Amino acid sequence: CVDGLQAQKECQEVNQHVQRQLTQAQELLHKKEAEAATCK
């Protein structure tokens, strides 16, 4: 049970890290879309 709780905590930390990366990727995507619109 303790190992399961530790694994759940690690999973939540990884999930938060991936969520931050996704947010950064979405921000970069919006920036690149704006650049593409300017180029068009």
PDB file of all heavy atoms in Angstrom:
ATOM      1  N   CYS A   1       0.832  -1.200   0.000  1.00  0.00           N
ATOM      2  CA  CYS A   1       0.000   0.000   0.000  1.00  0.00           C
ATOM      3  C   CYS A   1       0.873   1.259   0.000  1.00  0.00           C
ATOM      4  O   CYS A   1       0.602   2.212  -0.726  1.00  0.00           O
ATOM      5  CB  CYS A   1      -0.929  -0.011   1.209  1.00  0.00           C
ATOM      6  SG  CYS A   1      -2.187   1.264   1.137  1.00  0.00           S
ATOM      7  N   VAL A   2       1.924   1.242   0.804  1.00  0.00           N
ATOM      8  CA  VAL A   2       2.837   2.383   0.843  1.00  0.00           C
ATOM      9  C   VAL A   2       3.514   2.555  -0.515  1.00  0.00           C
ATOM     10  O   VAL A   2       3.649   3.676  -1.017  1.00  0.00           O
ATOM     11  CB  VAL A   2       3.870   2.202   1.981  1.00  0.00           C
ATOM     12  CG1 VAL A   2       4.971   3.241   1.893  1.00  0.00           C
ATOM     13  CG2 VAL A   2       3.182   2.266   3.339  1.00  0.00           C
ATOM     14  N   ASP A   3       3.936   1.433  -1.115  1.00  0.00           N
ATOM     15  CA  ASP A   3       4.536   1.503  -2.453  1.00  0.00           C
ATOM     16  C   ASP A   3       3.538   2.039  -3.474  1.00  0.00           C
ATOM     17  O   ASP A   3       3.902   2.824  -4.357  1.00  0.00           O
ATOM     18  CB  ASP A   3       5.041   0.121  -2.887  1.00  0.00           C
ATOM     19  CG  ASP A   3       6.262  -0.323  -2.087  1.00  0.00           C
ATOM     20  OD1 ASP A   3       6.873   0.532  -1.402  1.00  0.00           O
ATOM     21  OD2 ASP A   3       6.596  -1.526  -2.144  1.00  0.00           O
ATOM     22  N   GLY A   4       2.279   1.617  -3.335  1.00  0.00           N
ATOM     23  CA  GLY A   4       1.247   2.105  -4.259  1.00  0.00           C
ATOM     24  C   GLY A   4       1.030   3.597  -4.120  1.00  0.00           C
ATOM     25  O   GLY A   4       0.876   4.313  -5.115  1.00  0.00           O
ATOM     26  N   LEU A   5       1.018   4.076  -2.871  1.00  0.00           N
ATOM     27  CA  LEU A   5       0.869   5.516  -2.656  1.00  0.00           C
ATOM     28  C   LEU A   5       2.062   6.285  -3.204  1.00  0.00           C
ATOM     29  O   LEU A   5       1.904   7.362  -3.790  1.00  0.00           O
ATOM     30  CB  LEU A   5       0.691   5.808  -1.160  1.00  0.00           C
ATOM     31  CG  LEU A   5      -0.643   5.374  -0.553  1.00  0.00           C
ATOM     32  CD1 LEU A   5      -0.629   5.557   0.957  1.00  0.00           C
ATOM     33  CD2 LEU A   5      -1.786   6.155  -1.171  1.00  0.00           C
ATOM     34  N   GLN A   6       3.265   5.727  -3.044  1.00  0.00           N
ATOM     35  CA  GLN A   6       4.466   6.364  -3.590  1.00  0.00           C
ATOM     36  C   GLN A   6       4.404   6.406  -5.117  1.00  0.00           C
ATOM     37  O   GLN A   6       4.722   7.421  -5.738  1.00  0.00           O
ATOM     38  CB  GLN A   6       5.729   5.624  -3.125  1.00  0.00           C
ATOM     39  CG  GLN A   6       7.019   6.226  -3.630  1.00  0.00           C
ATOM     40  CD  GLN A   6       7.272   7.619  -3.075  1.00  0.00           C
ATOM     41  OE1 GLN A   6       6.834   7.945  -1.993  1.00  0.00           O
ATOM     42  NE2 GLN A   6       7.966   8.435  -3.844  1.00  0.00           N
ATOM     43  N   ALA A   7       3.964   5.299  -5.708  1.00  0.00           N
ATOM     44  CA  ALA A   7       3.842   5.250  -7.175  1.00  0.00           C
ATOM     45  C   ALA A   7       2.800   6.252  -7.657  1.00  0.00           C
ATOM     46  O   ALA A   7       2.981   6.915  -8.679  1.00  0.00           O
ATOM     47  CB  ALA A   7       3.470   3.836  -7.617  1.00  0.00           C
ATOM     48  N   GLN A   8       1.716   6.381  -6.908  1.00  0.00           N
ATOM     49  CA  GLN A   8       0.670   7.337  -7.285  1.00  0.00           C
ATOM     50  C   GLN A   8       1.216   8.762  -7.205  1.00  0.00           C
ATOM     51  O   GLN A   8       0.958   9.585  -8.085  1.00  0.00           O
ATOM     52  CB  GLN A   8      -0.542   7.189  -6.369  1.00  0.00           C
ATOM     53  CG  GLN A   8      -1.687   8.124  -6.729  1.00  0.00           C
ATOM     54  CD  GLN A   8      -2.867   7.975  -5.784  1.00  0.00           C
ATOM     55  OE1 GLN A   8      -2.802   7.271  -4.790  1.00  0.00           O
ATOM     56  NE2 GLN A   8      -3.946   8.666  -6.106  1.00  0.00           N
ATOM     57  N   LYS A   9       1.991   9.051  -6.162  1.00  0.00           N
ATOM     58  CA  LYS A   9       2.585  10.383  -6.015  1.00  0.00           C
ATOM     59  C   LYS A   9       3.541  10.674  -7.176  1.00  0.00           C
ATOM     60  O   LYS A   9       3.506  11.759  -7.757  1.00  0.00           O
ATOM     61  CB  LYS A   9       3.323  10.471  -4.675  1.00  0.00           C
ATOM     62  CG  LYS A   9       3.924  11.819  -4.404  1.00  0.00           C
ATOM     63  CD  LYS A   9       4.623  11.839  -3.058  1.00  0.00           C
ATOM     64  CE  LYS A   9       5.299  13.175  -2.825  1.00  0.00           C
ATOM     65  NZ  LYS A   9       6.063  13.182  -1.571  1.00  0.00           N
ATOM     66  N   GLU A  10       4.382   9.696  -7.516  1.00  0.00           N
ATOM     67  CA  GLU A  10       5.312   9.872  -8.641  1.00  0.00           C
ATOM     68  C   GLU A  10       4.550  10.065  -9.941  1.00  0.00           C
ATOM     69  O   GLU A  10       4.934  10.890 -10.778  1.00  0.00           O
ATOM     70  CB  GLU A  10       6.246   8.673  -8.739  1.00  0.00           C
ATOM     71  CG  GLU A  10       7.255   8.589  -7.618  1.00  0.00           C
ATOM     72  CD  GLU A  10       8.071   7.297  -7.638  1.00  0.00           C
ATOM     73  OE1 GLU A  10       7.945   6.518  -8.611  1.00  0.00           O
ATOM     74  OE2 GLU A  10       8.835   7.074  -6.684  1.00  0.00           O
ATOM     75  N   CYS A  11       3.478   9.303 -10.093  1.00  0.00           N
ATOM     76  CA  CYS A  11       2.652   9.434 -11.306  1.00  0.00           C
ATOM     77  C   CYS A  11       2.046  10.827 -11.400  1.00  0.00           C
ATOM     78  O   CYS A  11       2.006  11.422 -12.483  1.00  0.00           O
ATOM     79  CB  CYS A  11       1.565   8.365 -11.297  1.00  0.00           C
ATOM     80  SG  CYS A  11       0.541   8.359 -12.767  1.00  0.00           S
ATOM     81  N   GLN A  12       1.584  11.360 -10.284  1.00  0.00           N
ATOM     82  CA  GLN A  12       1.025  12.711 -10.284  1.00  0.00           C
ATOM     83  C   GLN A  12       2.086  13.750 -10.625  1.00  0.00           C
ATOM     84  O   GLN A  12       1.809  14.698 -11.365  1.00  0.00           O
ATOM     85  CB  GLN A  12       0.401  13.022  -8.921  1.00  0.00           C
ATOM     86  CG  GLN A  12      -0.912  12.321  -8.676  1.00  0.00           C
ATOM     87  CD  GLN A  12      -1.458  12.557  -7.272  1.00  0.00           C
ATOM     88  OE1 GLN A  12      -0.735  12.974  -6.377  1.00  0.00           O
ATOM     89  NE2 GLN A  12      -2.736  12.264  -7.091  1.00  0.00           N
ATOM     90  N   GLU A  13       3.310  13.546 -10.103  1.00  0.00           N
ATOM     91  CA  GLU A  13       4.392  14.482 -10.423  1.00  0.00           C
ATOM     92  C   GLU A  13       4.736  14.430 -11.905  1.00  0.00           C
ATOM     93  O   GLU A  13       4.927  15.465 -12.545  1.00  0.00           O
ATOM     94  CB  GLU A  13       5.625  14.164  -9.573  1.00  0.00           C
ATOM     95  CG  GLU A  13       5.449  14.499  -8.112  1.00  0.00           C
ATOM     96  CD  GLU A  13       6.607  14.032  -7.250  1.00  0.00           C
ATOM     97  OE1 GLU A  13       7.560  13.421  -7.791  1.00  0.00           O
ATOM     98  OE2 GLU A  13       6.561  14.271  -6.026  1.00  0.00           O
ATOM     99  N   VAL A  14       4.795  13.215 -12.462  1.00  0.00           N
ATOM    100  CA  VAL A  14       5.077  13.068 -13.895  1.00  0.00           C
ATOM    101  C   VAL A  14       3.939  13.687 -14.709  1.00  0.00           C
ATOM    102  O   VAL A  14       4.177  14.375 -15.710  1.00  0.00           O
ATOM    103  CB  VAL A  14       5.274  11.580 -14.261  1.00  0.00           C
ATOM    104  CG1 VAL A  14       5.278  11.376 -15.767  1.00  0.00           C
ATOM    105  CG2 VAL A  14       6.565  11.057 -13.650  1.00  0.00           C
ATOM    106  N   ASN A  15       2.718  13.476 -14.252  1.00  0.00           N
ATOM    107  CA  ASN A  15       1.559  14.034 -14.941  1.00  0.00           C
ATOM    108  C   ASN A  15       1.622  15.566 -14.944  1.00  0.00           C
ATOM    109  O   ASN A  15       1.359  16.206 -15.969  1.00  0.00           O
ATOM    110  CB  ASN A  15       0.268  13.552 -14.262  1.00  0.00           C
ATOM    111  CG  ASN A  15      -0.962  13.917 -15.049  1.00  0.00           C
ATOM    112  OD1 ASN A  15      -0.879  14.196 -16.240  1.00  0.00           O
ATOM    113  ND2 ASN A  15      -2.095  13.933 -14.394  1.00  0.00           N
ATOM    114  N   GLN A  16       2.001  16.152 -13.804  1.00  0.00           N
ATOM    115  CA  GLN A  16       2.129  17.610 -13.735  1.00  0.00           C
ATOM    116  C   GLN A  16       3.242  18.102 -14.652  1.00  0.00           C
ATOM    117  O   GLN A  16       3.095  19.118 -15.336  1.00  0.00           O
ATOM    118  CB  GLN A  16       2.393  18.047 -12.296  1.00  0.00           C
ATOM    119  CG  GLN A  16       1.203  17.892 -11.388  1.00  0.00           C
ATOM    120  CD  GLN A  16       1.542  18.150  -9.929  1.00  0.00           C
ATOM    121  OE1 GLN A  16       2.708  18.267  -9.554  1.00  0.00           O
ATOM    122  NE2 GLN A  16       0.512  18.220  -9.103  1.00  0.00           N
ATOM    123  N   HIS A  17       4.348  17.359 -14.696  1.00  0.00           N
ATOM    124  CA  HIS A  17       5.462  17.727 -15.582  1.00  0.00           C
ATOM    125  C   HIS A  17       5.022  17.672 -17.052  1.00  0.00           C
ATOM    126  O   HIS A  17       5.298  18.594 -17.831  1.00  0.00           O
ATOM    127  CB  HIS A  17       6.649  16.798 -15.336  1.00  0.00           C
ATOM    128  CG  HIS A  17       7.817  17.057 -16.232  1.00  0.00           C
ATOM    129  ND1 HIS A  17       8.592  18.188 -16.140  1.00  0.00           N
ATOM    130  CD2 HIS A  17       8.332  16.331 -17.259  1.00  0.00           C
ATOM    131  CE1 HIS A  17       9.527  18.152 -17.070  1.00  0.00           C
ATOM    132  NE2 HIS A  17       9.400  17.035 -17.762  1.00  0.00           N
ATOM    133  N   VAL A  18       4.332  16.597 -17.410  1.00  0.00           N
ATOM    134  CA  VAL A  18       3.848  16.456 -18.792  1.00  0.00           C
ATOM    135  C   VAL A  18       2.826  17.544 -19.101  1.00  0.00           C
ATOM    136  O   VAL A  18       2.812  18.094 -20.212  1.00  0.00           O
ATOM    137  CB  VAL A  18       3.259  15.039 -19.007  1.00  0.00           C
ATOM    138  CG1 VAL A  18       2.523  14.942 -20.317  1.00  0.00           C
ATOM    139  CG2 VAL A  18       4.365  14.000 -18.943  1.00  0.00           C
ATOM    140  N   GLN A  19       2.005  17.898 -18.124  1.00  0.00           N
ATOM    141  CA  GLN A  19       1.014  18.955 -18.325  1.00  0.00           C
ATOM    142  C   GLN A  19       1.718  20.292 -18.576  1.00  0.00           C
ATOM    143  O   GLN A  19       1.298  21.062 -19.446  1.00  0.00           O
ATOM    144  CB  GLN A  19       0.110  19.055 -17.085  1.00  0.00           C
ATOM    145  CG  GLN A  19      -1.060  19.987 -17.253  1.00  0.00           C
ATOM    146  CD  GLN A  19      -2.046  19.491 -18.283  1.00  0.00           C
ATOM    147  OE1 GLN A  19      -2.262  18.314 -18.436  1.00  0.00           O
ATOM    148  NE2 GLN A  19      -2.644  20.403 -19.011  1.00  0.00           N
ATOM    149  N   ARG A  20       2.793  20.565 -17.828  1.00  0.00           N
ATOM    150  CA  ARG A  20       3.555  21.799 -18.065  1.00  0.00           C
ATOM    151  C   ARG A  20       4.173  21.797 -19.458  1.00  0.00           C
ATOM    152  O   ARG A  20       4.150  22.810 -20.165  1.00  0.00           O
ATOM    153  CB  ARG A  20       4.644  21.959 -16.997  1.00  0.00           C
ATOM    154  CG  ARG A  20       4.135  22.454 -15.663  1.00  0.00           C
ATOM    155  CD  ARG A  20       5.292  22.845 -14.731  1.00  0.00           C
ATOM    156  NE  ARG A  20       6.186  21.741 -14.438  1.00  0.00           N
ATOM    157  CZ  ARG A  20       6.040  20.891 -13.439  1.00  0.00           C
ATOM    158  NH1 ARG A  20       5.024  21.008 -12.630  1.00  0.00           N
ATOM    159  NH2 ARG A  20       6.929  19.925 -13.238  1.00  0.00           N
ATOM    160  N   GLN A  21       4.720  20.639 -19.863  1.00  0.00           N
ATOM    161  CA  GLN A  21       5.305  20.555 -21.209  1.00  0.00           C
ATOM    162  C   GLN A  21       4.239  20.757 -22.273  1.00  0.00           C
ATOM    163  O   GLN A  21       4.485  21.421 -23.286  1.00  0.00           O
ATOM    164  CB  GLN A  21       5.984  19.194 -21.387  1.00  0.00           C
ATOM    165  CG  GLN A  21       7.282  19.056 -20.634  1.00  0.00           C
ATOM    166  CD  GLN A  21       7.929  17.699 -20.851  1.00  0.00           C
ATOM    167  OE1 GLN A  21       7.249  16.713 -21.121  1.00  0.00           O
ATOM    168  NE2 GLN A  21       9.250  17.644 -20.712  1.00  0.00           N
ATOM    169  N   LEU A  22       3.068  20.198 -22.061  1.00  0.00           N
ATOM    170  CA  LEU A  22       1.968  20.368 -23.013  1.00  0.00           C
ATOM    171  C   LEU A  22       1.571  21.836 -23.105  1.00  0.00           C
ATOM    172  O   LEU A  22       1.363  22.360 -24.202  1.00  0.00           O
ATOM    173  CB  LEU A  22       0.768  19.518 -22.592  1.00  0.00           C
ATOM    174  CG  LEU A  22      -0.494  19.666 -23.434  1.00  0.00           C
ATOM    175  CD1 LEU A  22      -0.241  19.218 -24.868  1.00  0.00           C
ATOM    176  CD2 LEU A  22      -1.638  18.877 -22.821  1.00  0.00           C
ATOM    177  N   THR A  23       1.498  22.505 -21.962  1.00  0.00           N
ATOM    178  CA  THR A  23       1.147  23.926 -21.960  1.00  0.00           C
ATOM    179  C   THR A  23       2.194  24.733 -22.721  1.00  0.00           C
ATOM    180  O   THR A  23       1.845  25.604 -23.530  1.00  0.00           O
ATOM    181  CB  THR A  23       1.026  24.433 -20.507  1.00  0.00           C
ATOM    182  OG1 THR A  23       0.048  23.640 -19.819  1.00  0.00           O
ATOM    183  CG2 THR A  23       0.624  25.887 -20.463  1.00  0.00           C
ATOM    184  N   GLN A  24       3.470  24.423 -22.493  1.00  0.00           N
ATOM    185  CA  GLN A  24       4.535  25.123 -23.214  1.00  0.00           C
ATOM    186  C   GLN A  24       4.450  24.856 -24.713  1.00  0.00           C
ATOM    187  O   GLN A  24       4.622  25.773 -25.529  1.00  0.00           O
ATOM    188  CB  GLN A  24       5.901  24.696 -22.681  1.00  0.00           C
ATOM    189  CG  GLN A  24       6.200  25.192 -21.288  1.00  0.00           C
ATOM    190  CD  GLN A  24       7.491  24.616 -20.722  1.00  0.00           C
ATOM    191  OE1 GLN A  24       8.085  23.715 -21.297  1.00  0.00           O
ATOM    192  NE2 GLN A  24       7.925  25.137 -19.577  1.00  0.00           N
ATOM    193  N   ALA A  25       4.167  23.609 -25.069  1.00  0.00           N
ATOM    194  CA  ALA A  25       4.050  23.261 -26.492  1.00  0.00           C
ATOM    195  C   ALA A  25       2.866  23.994 -27.125  1.00  0.00           C
ATOM    196  O   ALA A  25       2.967  24.475 -28.265  1.00  0.00           O
ATOM    197  CB  ALA A  25       3.896  21.750 -26.659  1.00  0.00           C
ATOM    198  N   GLN A  26       1.763  24.099 -26.387  1.00  0.00           N
ATOM    199  CA  GLN A  26       0.599  24.811 -26.928  1.00  0.00           C
ATOM    200  C   GLN A  26       0.910  26.289 -27.099  1.00  0.00           C
ATOM    201  O   GLN A  26       0.503  26.897 -28.100  1.00  0.00           O
ATOM    202  CB  GLN A  26      -0.610  24.613 -26.004  1.00  0.00           C
ATOM    203  CG  GLN A  26      -1.200  23.235 -26.082  1.00  0.00           C
ATOM    204  CD  GLN A  26      -2.295  23.003 -25.052  1.00  0.00           C
ATOM    205  OE1 GLN A  26      -2.334  23.643 -24.009  1.00  0.00           O
ATOM    206  NE2 GLN A  26      -3.177  22.065 -25.347  1.00  0.00           N
ATOM    207  N   GLU A  27       1.631  26.876 -26.136  1.00  0.00           N
ATOM    208  CA  GLU A  27       2.008  28.279 -26.263  1.00  0.00           C
ATOM    209  C   GLU A  27       2.925  28.481 -27.467  1.00  0.00           C
ATOM    210  O   GLU A  27       2.762  29.440 -28.227  1.00  0.00           O
ATOM    211  CB  GLU A  27       2.696  28.757 -24.985  1.00  0.00           C
ATOM    212  CG  GLU A  27       1.761  28.879 -23.801  1.00  0.00           C
ATOM    213  CD  GLU A  27       2.481  29.154 -22.488  1.00  0.00           C
ATOM    214  OE1 GLU A  27       3.740  29.200 -22.473  1.00  0.00           O
ATOM    215  OE2 GLU A  27       1.788  29.318 -21.470  1.00  0.00           O
ATOM    216  N   LEU A  28       3.867  27.568 -27.642  1.00  0.00           N
ATOM    217  CA  LEU A  28       4.767  27.645 -28.795  1.00  0.00           C
ATOM    218  C   LEU A  28       3.984  27.480 -30.097  1.00  0.00           C
ATOM    219  O   LEU A  28       4.245  28.185 -31.081  1.00  0.00           O
ATOM    220  CB  LEU A  28       5.861  26.583 -28.684  1.00  0.00           C
ATOM    221  CG  LEU A  28       6.915  26.585 -29.790  1.00  0.00           C
ATOM    222  CD1 LEU A  28       7.688  27.901 -29.792  1.00  0.00           C
ATOM    223  CD2 LEU A  28       7.874  25.416 -29.606  1.00  0.00           C
ATOM    224  N   LEU A  29       3.018  26.561 -30.094  1.00  0.00           N
ATOM    225  CA  LEU A  29       2.184  26.363 -31.273  1.00  0.00           C
ATOM    226  C   LEU A  29       1.424  27.634 -31.621  1.00  0.00           C
ATOM    227  O   LEU A  29       1.383  28.035 -32.791  1.00  0.00           O
ATOM    228  CB  LEU A  29       1.197  25.211 -31.037  1.00  0.00           C
ATOM    229  CG  LEU A  29       0.168  24.977 -32.139  1.00  0.00           C
ATOM    230  CD1 LEU A  29       0.846  24.524 -33.427  1.00  0.00           C
ATOM    231  CD2 LEU A  29      -0.867  23.965 -31.696  1.00  0.00           C
ATOM    232  N   HIS A  30       0.842  28.302 -30.624  1.00  0.00           N
ATOM    233  CA  HIS A  30       0.110  29.544 -30.881  1.00  0.00           C
ATOM    234  C   HIS A  30       1.046  30.622 -31.430  1.00  0.00           C
ATOM    235  O   HIS A  30       0.679  31.365 -32.338  1.00  0.00           O
ATOM    236  CB  HIS A  30      -0.578  30.037 -29.610  1.00  0.00           C
ATOM    237  CG  HIS A  30      -1.695  29.160 -29.139  1.00  0.00           C
ATOM    238  ND1 HIS A  30      -2.726  28.752 -29.955  1.00  0.00           N
ATOM    239  CD2 HIS A  30      -1.946  28.610 -27.931  1.00  0.00           C
ATOM    240  CE1 HIS A  30      -3.556  27.984 -29.278  1.00  0.00           C
ATOM    241  NE2 HIS A  30      -3.104  27.868 -28.038  1.00  0.00           N
ATOM    242  N   LYS A  31       2.270  30.651 -30.880  1.00  0.00           N
ATOM    243  CA  LYS A  31       3.250  31.626 -31.368  1.00  0.00           C
ATOM    244  C   LYS A  31       3.598  31.339 -32.821  1.00  0.00           C
ATOM    245  O   LYS A  31       3.639  32.253 -33.652  1.00  0.00           O
ATOM    246  CB  LYS A  31       4.495  31.560 -30.484  1.00  0.00           C
ATOM    247  CG  LYS A  31       5.565  32.540 -30.859  1.00  0.00           C
ATOM    248  CD  LYS A  31       6.772  32.405 -29.953  1.00  0.00           C
ATOM    249  CE  LYS A  31       7.899  33.303 -30.400  1.00  0.00           C
ATOM    250  NZ  LYS A  31       9.103  33.118 -29.582  1.00  0.00           N
ATOM    251  N   LYS A  32       3.841  30.062 -33.136  1.00  0.00           N
ATOM    252  CA  LYS A  32       4.197  29.692 -34.512  1.00  0.00           C
ATOM    253  C   LYS A  32       3.021  29.916 -35.463  1.00  0.00           C
ATOM    254  O   LYS A  32       3.229  30.287 -36.622  1.00  0.00           O
ATOM    255  CB  LYS A  32       4.660  28.228 -34.573  1.00  0.00           C
ATOM    256  CG  LYS A  32       5.948  27.968 -33.824  1.00  0.00           C
ATOM    257  CD  LYS A  32       7.087  28.799 -34.371  1.00  0.00           C
ATOM    258  CE  LYS A  32       8.370  28.542 -33.611  1.00  0.00           C
ATOM    259  NZ  LYS A  32       9.452  29.410 -34.050  1.00  0.00           N
ATOM    260  N   GLU A  33       1.791  29.683 -34.978  1.00  0.00           N
ATOM    261  CA  GLU A  33       0.622  29.946 -35.824  1.00  0.00           C
ATOM    262  C   GLU A  33       0.519  31.434 -36.147  1.00  0.00           C
ATOM    263  O   GLU A  33       0.184  31.816 -37.270  1.00  0.00           O
ATOM    264  CB  GLU A  33      -0.652  29.458 -35.131  1.00  0.00           C
ATOM    265  CG  GLU A  33      -0.824  27.956 -35.151  1.00  0.00           C
ATOM    266  CD  GLU A  33      -2.027  27.485 -34.350  1.00  0.00           C
ATOM    267  OE1 GLU A  33      -2.554  28.262 -33.508  1.00  0.00           O
ATOM    268  OE2 GLU A  33      -2.449  26.333 -34.562  1.00  0.00           O
ATOM    269  N   ALA A  34       0.830  32.275 -35.149  1.00  0.00           N
ATOM    270  CA  ALA A  34       0.818  33.724 -35.385  1.00  0.00           C
ATOM    271  C   ALA A  34       1.896  34.105 -36.397  1.00  0.00           C
ATOM    272  O   ALA A  34       1.657  34.932 -37.293  1.00  0.00           O
ATOM    273  CB  ALA A  34       1.023  34.470 -34.071  1.00  0.00           C
ATOM    274  N   GLU A  35       3.079  33.491 -36.265  1.00  0.00           N
ATOM    275  CA  GLU A  35       4.149  33.749 -37.229  1.00  0.00           C
ATOM    276  C   GLU A  35       3.747  33.281 -38.626  1.00  0.00           C
ATOM    277  O   GLU A  35       4.032  33.949 -39.619  1.00  0.00           O
ATOM    278  CB  GLU A  35       5.432  33.054 -36.795  1.00  0.00           C
ATOM    279  CG  GLU A  35       6.101  33.672 -35.587  1.00  0.00           C
ATOM    280  CD  GLU A  35       7.316  32.897 -35.116  1.00  0.00           C
ATOM    281  OE1 GLU A  35       7.725  31.923 -35.798  1.00  0.00           O
ATOM    282  OE2 GLU A  35       7.871  33.251 -34.071  1.00  0.00           O
ATOM    283  N   ALA A  36       3.085  32.133 -38.693  1.00  0.00           N
ATOM    284  CA  ALA A  36       2.651  31.610 -39.990  1.00  0.00           C
ATOM    285  C   ALA A  36       1.629  32.549 -40.626  1.00  0.00           C
ATOM    286  O   ALA A  36       1.662  32.782 -41.838  1.00  0.00           O
ATOM    287  CB  ALA A  36       2.062  30.210 -39.826  1.00  0.00           C
ATOM    288  N   ALA A  37       0.725  33.083 -39.803  1.00  0.00           N
ATOM    289  CA  ALA A  37      -0.263  34.026 -40.328  1.00  0.00           C
ATOM    290  C   ALA A  37       0.433  35.271 -40.871  1.00  0.00           C
ATOM    291  O   ALA A  37       0.056  35.794 -41.934  1.00  0.00           O
ATOM    292  CB  ALA A  37      -1.262  34.399 -39.233  1.00  0.00           C
ATOM    293  N   THR A  38       1.458  35.729 -40.161  1.00  0.00           N
ATOM    294  CA  THR A  38       2.221  36.895 -40.630  1.00  0.00           C
ATOM    295  C   THR A  38       2.920  36.571 -41.949  1.00  0.00           C
ATOM    296  O   THR A  38       2.915  37.384 -42.881  1.00  0.00           O
ATOM    297  CB  THR A  38       3.254  37.307 -39.559  1.00  0.00           C
ATOM    298  OG1 THR A  38       2.578  37.577 -38.341  1.00  0.00           O
ATOM    299  CG2 THR A  38       4.040  38.519 -39.983  1.00  0.00           C
ATOM    300  N   CYS A  39       3.505  35.375 -42.022  1.00  0.00           N
ATOM    301  CA  CYS A  39       4.180  34.961 -43.260  1.00  0.00           C
ATOM    302  C   CYS A  39       3.187  34.851 -44.413  1.00  0.00           C
ATOM    303  O   CYS A  39       3.496  35.266 -45.532  1.00  0.00           O
ATOM    304  CB  CYS A  39       4.895  33.630 -43.052  1.00  0.00           C
ATOM    305  SG  CYS A  39       6.359  33.755 -42.009  1.00  0.00           S
ATOM    306  N   LYS A  40       2.014  34.284 -44.133  1.00  0.00           N
ATOM    307  CA  LYS A  40       1.001  34.174 -45.197  1.00  0.00           C
ATOM    308  C   LYS A  40       0.606  35.552 -45.702  1.00  0.00           C
ATOM    309  O   LYS A  40       0.449  35.757 -46.908  1.00  0.00           O
ATOM    310  CB  LYS A  40      -0.226  33.427 -44.674  1.00  0.00           C
ATOM    311  CG  LYS A  40      -0.020  31.942 -44.536  1.00  0.00           C
ATOM    312  CD  LYS A  40      -1.266  31.244 -44.014  1.00  0.00           C
ATOM    313  CE  LYS A  40      -1.029  29.765 -43.833  1.00  0.00           C
ATOM    314  NZ  LYS A  40      -2.205  29.081 -43.284  1.00  0.00           N
TER     315      LYS A  40
END
